[in-house]
Amino acid sequence: MFALWALPAARPSLLRPRGQAGSALGACLPALLDDRELSARARRELQGIRYAIPLAEA
């Protein structure tokens, strides 16, 4: 089973908000988190990614 956190672990540039991928990821996270069919595990992992994006700026 694939874990969402594995994606930014494999591609840390996805968390950099100034990059194209990071900007796109940050922009789509609210819509992903609003999905009512999202599993609790996926929601937790997406929230963790949303939390990590500003931390990656430092």
Protein backbone atom coordinates (compact mmCIF):
# COMPACT_ATOMS: atom_id res chain seq x y z
CA MET A 1 0.00 0.00 0.00
CA PHE A 2 1.30 3.44 -0.95
CA ALA A 3 1.60 6.12 1.72
CA LEU A 4 1.20 9.76 0.70
CA TRP A 5 4.13 10.84 2.86
CA ALA A 6 6.41 8.67 0.73
CA LEU A 7 6.03 11.04 -2.22
CA PRO A 8 7.65 14.11 -0.63
CA ALA A 9 10.13 11.81 1.12
CA ALA A 10 11.26 10.61 -2.30
CA ARG A 11 10.94 14.06 -3.93
CA PRO A 12 11.69 16.74 -1.30
CA SER A 13 11.42 19.48 -3.93
CA LEU A 14 7.65 18.98 -3.82
CA LEU A 15 7.61 20.71 -0.44
CA ARG A 16 9.41 23.83 -1.62
CA PRO A 17 6.62 26.39 -2.07
CA ARG A 18 8.69 28.60 -4.35
CA GLY A 19 9.08 25.82 -6.90
CA GLN A 20 6.53 24.99 -9.56
CA ALA A 21 5.67 21.58 -8.08
CA GLY A 22 5.44 22.96 -4.53
CA SER A 23 3.17 25.79 -5.63
CA ALA A 24 0.88 23.37 -7.46
CA LEU A 25 0.80 20.99 -4.49
CA GLY A 26 0.05 23.81 -2.06
CA ALA A 27 -2.73 25.09 -4.31
CA CYS A 28 -4.50 21.73 -4.64
CA LEU A 29 -4.21 20.62 -0.99
CA PRO A 30 -7.32 22.52 0.19
CA ALA A 31 -9.46 20.86 -2.50
CA LEU A 32 -8.03 17.44 -1.67
CA LEU A 33 -8.70 17.93 2.04
CA ASP A 34 -12.29 18.99 1.34
CA ASP A 35 -13.08 15.66 -0.32
CA ARG A 36 -15.62 13.86 1.87
CA GLU A 37 -14.59 10.46 0.55
CA LEU A 38 -11.01 10.89 1.74
CA SER A 39 -9.94 8.24 4.23
CA ALA A 40 -8.85 9.30 7.69
CA ARG A 41 -5.32 8.08 6.97
CA ALA A 42 -5.08 10.02 3.71
CA ARG A 43 -6.45 13.13 5.43
CA ARG A 44 -3.81 12.89 8.19
CA GLU A 45 -1.03 12.44 5.65
CA LEU A 46 -2.23 15.38 3.53
CA GLN A 47 -2.45 17.56 6.62
CA GLY A 48 1.10 16.55 7.47
CA ILE A 49 2.25 17.54 3.99
CA ARG A 50 0.40 20.86 4.29
CA TYR A 51 2.18 21.43 7.61
CA ALA A 52 5.59 20.54 6.12
CA ILE A 53 5.42 22.97 3.18
CA PRO A 54 6.10 26.13 5.24
CA LEU A 55 8.78 24.28 7.21
CA ALA A 56 10.59 23.50 3.96
CA GLU A 57 11.11 27.23 3.37
CA ALA A 58 13.59 27.45 6.24
